[in-house]
Amino acid sequence: MKKPPQTSPFALSVMMSQLAVASWETIMRRSAMMVQGTCSPAEYRRMSAEKVAAAQRSLTALTMGRGQAAVLAPFVTRTRANVTRLRRSK
């Protein structure tokens, strides 16, 4: 799905929907890996590191006054990248 321009009045609601769907899929796939015993130590480290990196970028956007969509964008980007990567690792 094409991401909307962050200046669009619908950007925040679209991004929140994308984040919700991608988060659910990421959680489902990672949970399945944990249950099957195939979740590597690198994947566990990635789970923490990606949240810290997204939070840092989000905080930067917030402190620079870039708007709500820019604050949410790092989380959407990371989550969608996870879904893409986890789909390939089947």
N, C-alpha and C. Protein backbone atom coordinates (compact mmCIF):
# COMPACT_ATOMS: atom_id res chain seq x y z
N MET A 1 0.85 -1.17 0.00
CA MET A 1 0.00 0.00 0.00
C MET A 1 0.89 1.23 0.00
N LYS A 2 0.57 2.18 -0.81
CA LYS A 2 1.34 3.41 -0.90
C LYS A 2 1.08 4.25 0.34
N LYS A 3 2.16 4.81 0.91
CA LYS A 3 1.94 5.62 2.10
C LYS A 3 1.53 7.03 1.71
N PRO A 4 0.60 7.62 2.47
CA PRO A 4 0.11 8.95 2.13
C PRO A 4 1.14 10.01 2.47
N PRO A 5 1.09 11.15 1.79
CA PRO A 5 1.99 12.23 2.19
C PRO A 5 1.68 12.65 3.62
N GLN A 6 2.71 12.97 4.37
CA GLN A 6 2.49 13.30 5.78
C GLN A 6 1.74 14.62 5.97
N THR A 7 1.55 15.36 4.91
CA THR A 7 0.79 16.61 5.00
C THR A 7 -0.70 16.39 4.76
N SER A 8 -1.08 15.21 4.35
CA SER A 8 -2.47 14.90 4.09
C SER A 8 -3.26 14.93 5.40
N PRO A 9 -4.51 15.39 5.38
CA PRO A 9 -5.31 15.38 6.60
C PRO A 9 -5.64 13.96 7.07
N PHE A 10 -5.47 13.00 6.19
CA PHE A 10 -5.76 11.60 6.54
C PHE A 10 -4.50 10.80 6.89
N ALA A 11 -3.35 11.44 6.83
CA ALA A 11 -2.08 10.74 7.03
C ALA A 11 -2.04 10.00 8.36
N LEU A 12 -2.42 10.66 9.43
CA LEU A 12 -2.33 10.03 10.74
C LEU A 12 -3.24 8.81 10.85
N SER A 13 -4.48 8.92 10.39
CA SER A 13 -5.39 7.78 10.52
C SER A 13 -4.96 6.62 9.63
N VAL A 14 -4.45 6.92 8.44
CA VAL A 14 -3.96 5.86 7.55
C VAL A 14 -2.74 5.19 8.17
N MET A 15 -1.83 5.99 8.71
CA MET A 15 -0.63 5.44 9.32
C MET A 15 -0.97 4.59 10.55
N MET A 16 -1.94 5.02 11.33
CA MET A 16 -2.34 4.23 12.50
C MET A 16 -2.93 2.89 12.07
N SER A 17 -3.69 2.88 11.00
CA SER A 17 -4.24 1.63 10.47
C SER A 17 -3.13 0.72 9.97
N GLN A 18 -2.19 1.28 9.24
CA GLN A 18 -1.05 0.49 8.74
C GLN A 18 -0.26 -0.09 9.90
N LEU A 19 -0.04 0.72 10.93
CA LEU A 19 0.71 0.27 12.09
C LEU A 19 -0.02 -0.87 12.80
N ALA A 20 -1.32 -0.75 12.95
CA ALA A 20 -2.09 -1.79 13.63
C ALA A 20 -2.02 -3.11 12.88
N VAL A 21 -2.24 -3.08 11.58
CA VAL A 21 -2.24 -4.31 10.79
C VAL A 21 -0.85 -4.94 10.77
N ALA A 22 0.17 -4.13 10.53
CA ALA A 22 1.54 -4.66 10.47
C ALA A 22 1.99 -5.17 11.84
N SER A 23 1.58 -4.50 12.91
CA SER A 23 1.93 -4.95 14.26
C SER A 23 1.31 -6.30 14.56
N TRP A 24 0.04 -6.46 14.21
CA TRP A 24 -0.62 -7.74 14.46
C TRP A 24 0.10 -8.87 13.73
N GLU A 25 0.44 -8.62 12.47
CA GLU A 25 1.11 -9.67 11.71
C GLU A 25 2.50 -9.97 12.26
N THR A 26 3.23 -8.93 12.63
CA THR A 26 4.56 -9.13 13.20
C THR A 26 4.48 -9.92 14.50
N ILE A 27 3.56 -9.55 15.36
CA ILE A 27 3.39 -10.26 16.63
C ILE A 27 3.02 -11.72 16.39
N MET A 28 2.12 -11.96 15.43
CA MET A 28 1.70 -13.32 15.12
C MET A 28 2.89 -14.16 14.63
N ARG A 29 3.65 -13.59 13.70
CA ARG A 29 4.78 -14.33 13.13
C ARG A 29 5.87 -14.59 14.17
N ARG A 30 6.18 -13.59 14.96
CA ARG A 30 7.21 -13.78 15.98
C ARG A 30 6.74 -14.74 17.07
N SER A 31 5.48 -14.67 17.43
CA SER A 31 4.95 -15.60 18.43
C SER A 31 5.04 -17.04 17.92
N ALA A 32 4.73 -17.23 16.65
CA ALA A 32 4.83 -18.57 16.06
C ALA A 32 6.28 -19.06 16.09
N MET A 33 7.22 -18.15 15.80
CA MET A 33 8.64 -18.53 15.86
C MET A 33 9.04 -18.94 17.27
N MET A 34 8.53 -18.23 18.27
CA MET A 34 8.84 -18.56 19.67
C MET A 34 8.27 -19.91 20.05
N VAL A 35 7.03 -20.16 19.66
CA VAL A 35 6.38 -21.44 19.98
C VAL A 35 7.11 -22.61 19.32
N GLN A 36 7.55 -22.40 18.08
CA GLN A 36 8.25 -23.44 17.33
C GLN A 36 9.71 -23.57 17.73
N GLY A 37 10.21 -22.63 18.52
CA GLY A 37 11.61 -22.67 18.94
C GLY A 37 12.57 -22.23 17.85
N THR A 38 12.08 -21.48 16.87
CA THR A 38 12.93 -21.04 15.76
C THR A 38 13.30 -19.57 15.84
N CYS A 39 12.95 -18.90 16.93
CA CYS A 39 13.28 -17.48 17.10
C CYS A 39 14.72 -17.39 17.58
N SER A 40 15.56 -16.82 16.76
CA SER A 40 17.00 -16.76 17.06
C SER A 40 17.30 -15.67 18.09
N PRO A 41 18.45 -15.77 18.75
CA PRO A 41 18.87 -14.70 19.65
C PRO A 41 18.96 -13.35 18.93
N ALA A 42 19.36 -13.38 17.67
CA ALA A 42 19.44 -12.14 16.89
C ALA A 42 18.06 -11.51 16.73
N GLU A 43 17.03 -12.32 16.55
CA GLU A 43 15.67 -11.80 16.41
C GLU A 43 15.20 -11.18 17.72
N TYR A 44 15.53 -11.81 18.84
CA TYR A 44 15.17 -11.23 20.14
C TYR A 44 15.85 -9.87 20.34
N ARG A 45 17.13 -9.79 19.98
CA ARG A 45 17.85 -8.51 20.09
C ARG A 45 17.24 -7.47 19.16
N ARG A 46 16.87 -7.90 17.96
CA ARG A 46 16.27 -6.99 16.98
C ARG A 46 14.97 -6.39 17.51
N MET A 47 14.18 -7.20 18.22
CA MET A 47 12.91 -6.72 18.76
C MET A 47 13.12 -5.51 19.67
N SER A 48 14.15 -5.57 20.50
CA SER A 48 14.42 -4.45 21.41
C SER A 48 15.06 -3.28 20.69
N ALA A 49 16.07 -3.56 19.88
CA ALA A 49 16.82 -2.50 19.22
C ALA A 49 15.94 -1.67 18.28
N GLU A 50 15.03 -2.31 17.58
CA GLU A 50 14.19 -1.56 16.63
C GLU A 50 13.24 -0.61 17.35
N LYS A 51 12.78 -1.01 18.52
CA LYS A 51 11.87 -0.13 19.27
C LYS A 51 12.62 1.09 19.80
N VAL A 52 13.85 0.88 20.27
CA VAL A 52 14.66 2.00 20.75
C VAL A 52 14.95 2.97 19.61
N ALA A 53 15.35 2.44 18.46
CA ALA A 53 15.67 3.30 17.31
C ALA A 53 14.44 4.08 16.85
N ALA A 54 13.28 3.41 16.80
CA ALA A 54 12.05 4.10 16.37
C ALA A 54 11.66 5.17 17.39
N ALA A 55 11.82 4.88 18.66
CA ALA A 55 11.48 5.85 19.70
C ALA A 55 12.39 7.08 19.61
N GLN A 56 13.66 6.86 19.33
CA GLN A 56 14.59 7.99 19.20
C GLN A 56 14.20 8.88 18.02
N ARG A 57 13.90 8.27 16.89
CA ARG A 57 13.50 9.05 15.72
C ARG A 57 12.17 9.77 15.95
N SER A 58 11.28 9.10 16.63
CA SER A 58 9.99 9.69 16.93
C SER A 58 10.16 10.89 17.86
N LEU A 59 11.00 10.75 18.87
CA LEU A 59 11.25 11.85 19.80
C LEU A 59 11.89 13.03 19.08
N THR A 60 12.79 12.74 18.16
CA THR A 60 13.40 13.82 17.37
C THR A 60 12.34 14.57 16.58
N ALA A 61 11.45 13.84 15.92
CA ALA A 61 10.37 14.48 15.15
C ALA A 61 9.47 15.30 16.06
N LEU A 62 9.21 14.78 17.25
CA LEU A 62 8.34 15.47 18.20
C LEU A 62 8.99 16.78 18.67
N THR A 63 10.26 16.71 19.03
CA THR A 63 10.93 17.91 19.54
C THR A 63 11.14 18.96 18.46
N MET A 64 11.17 18.54 17.20
CA MET A 64 11.33 19.49 16.11
C MET A 64 9.99 20.00 15.59
N GLY A 65 8.90 19.52 16.19
CA GLY A 65 7.58 20.00 15.83
C GLY A 65 7.13 19.62 14.43
N ARG A 66 7.49 18.42 13.99
CA ARG A 66 7.17 18.00 12.62
C ARG A 66 5.74 17.51 12.44
N GLY A 67 5.00 17.34 13.49
CA GLY A 67 3.61 16.90 13.35
C GLY A 67 3.41 15.46 13.77
N GLN A 68 2.15 15.11 13.97
CA GLN A 68 1.80 13.78 14.49
C GLN A 68 2.21 12.66 13.54
N ALA A 69 2.00 12.84 12.26
CA ALA A 69 2.33 11.78 11.30
C ALA A 69 3.83 11.52 11.29
N ALA A 70 4.64 12.55 11.39
CA ALA A 70 6.09 12.38 11.42
C ALA A 70 6.55 11.68 12.69
N VAL A 71 5.84 11.91 13.77
CA VAL A 71 6.17 11.24 15.03
C VAL A 71 5.86 9.75 14.95
N LEU A 72 4.80 9.39 14.27
CA LEU A 72 4.39 7.99 14.14
C LEU A 72 5.16 7.25 13.04
N ALA A 73 5.66 7.96 12.06
CA ALA A 73 6.31 7.36 10.89
C ALA A 73 7.42 6.36 11.21
N PRO A 74 8.33 6.61 12.17
CA PRO A 74 9.38 5.61 12.43
C PRO A 74 8.83 4.25 12.86
N PHE A 75 7.75 4.26 13.60
CA PHE A 75 7.16 2.99 14.04
C PHE A 75 6.50 2.25 12.87
N VAL A 76 5.82 3.00 12.02
CA VAL A 76 5.19 2.41 10.84
C VAL A 76 6.24 1.81 9.92
N THR A 77 7.29 2.56 9.68
CA THR A 77 8.37 2.10 8.79
C THR A 77 9.00 0.82 9.31
N ARG A 78 9.35 0.80 10.59
CA ARG A 78 9.98 -0.40 11.18
C ARG A 78 9.05 -1.60 11.17
N THR A 79 7.81 -1.38 11.51
CA THR A 79 6.86 -2.50 11.58
C THR A 79 6.60 -3.09 10.20
N ARG A 80 6.43 -2.23 9.20
CA ARG A 80 6.19 -2.74 7.85
C ARG A 80 7.42 -3.46 7.31
N ALA A 81 8.60 -2.98 7.65
CA ALA A 81 9.83 -3.67 7.24
C ALA A 81 9.93 -5.04 7.90
N ASN A 82 9.50 -5.14 9.15
CA ASN A 82 9.50 -6.42 9.85
C ASN A 82 8.58 -7.43 9.16
N VAL A 83 7.40 -6.99 8.82
CA VAL A 83 6.45 -7.88 8.16
C VAL A 83 7.05 -8.41 6.85
N THR A 84 7.62 -7.52 6.08
CA THR A 84 8.22 -7.93 4.81
C THR A 84 9.33 -8.94 5.03
N ARG A 85 10.19 -8.67 6.01
CA ARG A 85 11.32 -9.57 6.29
C ARG A 85 10.83 -10.90 6.83
N LEU A 86 9.88 -10.86 7.75
CA LEU A 86 9.38 -12.10 8.36
C LEU A 86 8.60 -12.96 7.36
N ARG A 87 7.94 -12.34 6.40
CA ARG A 87 7.25 -13.11 5.36
C ARG A 87 8.24 -13.89 4.51
N ARG A 88 9.38 -13.29 4.25
CA ARG A 88 10.40 -13.97 3.43
C ARG A 88 11.08 -15.10 4.17
N SER A 89 11.13 -15.03 5.50
CA SER A 89 11.87 -16.04 6.26
C SER A 89 11.06 -17.28 6.58
N LYS A 90 9.92 -17.43 5.97
CA LYS A 90 9.06 -18.61 6.20
C LYS A 90 9.79 -19.88 6.00
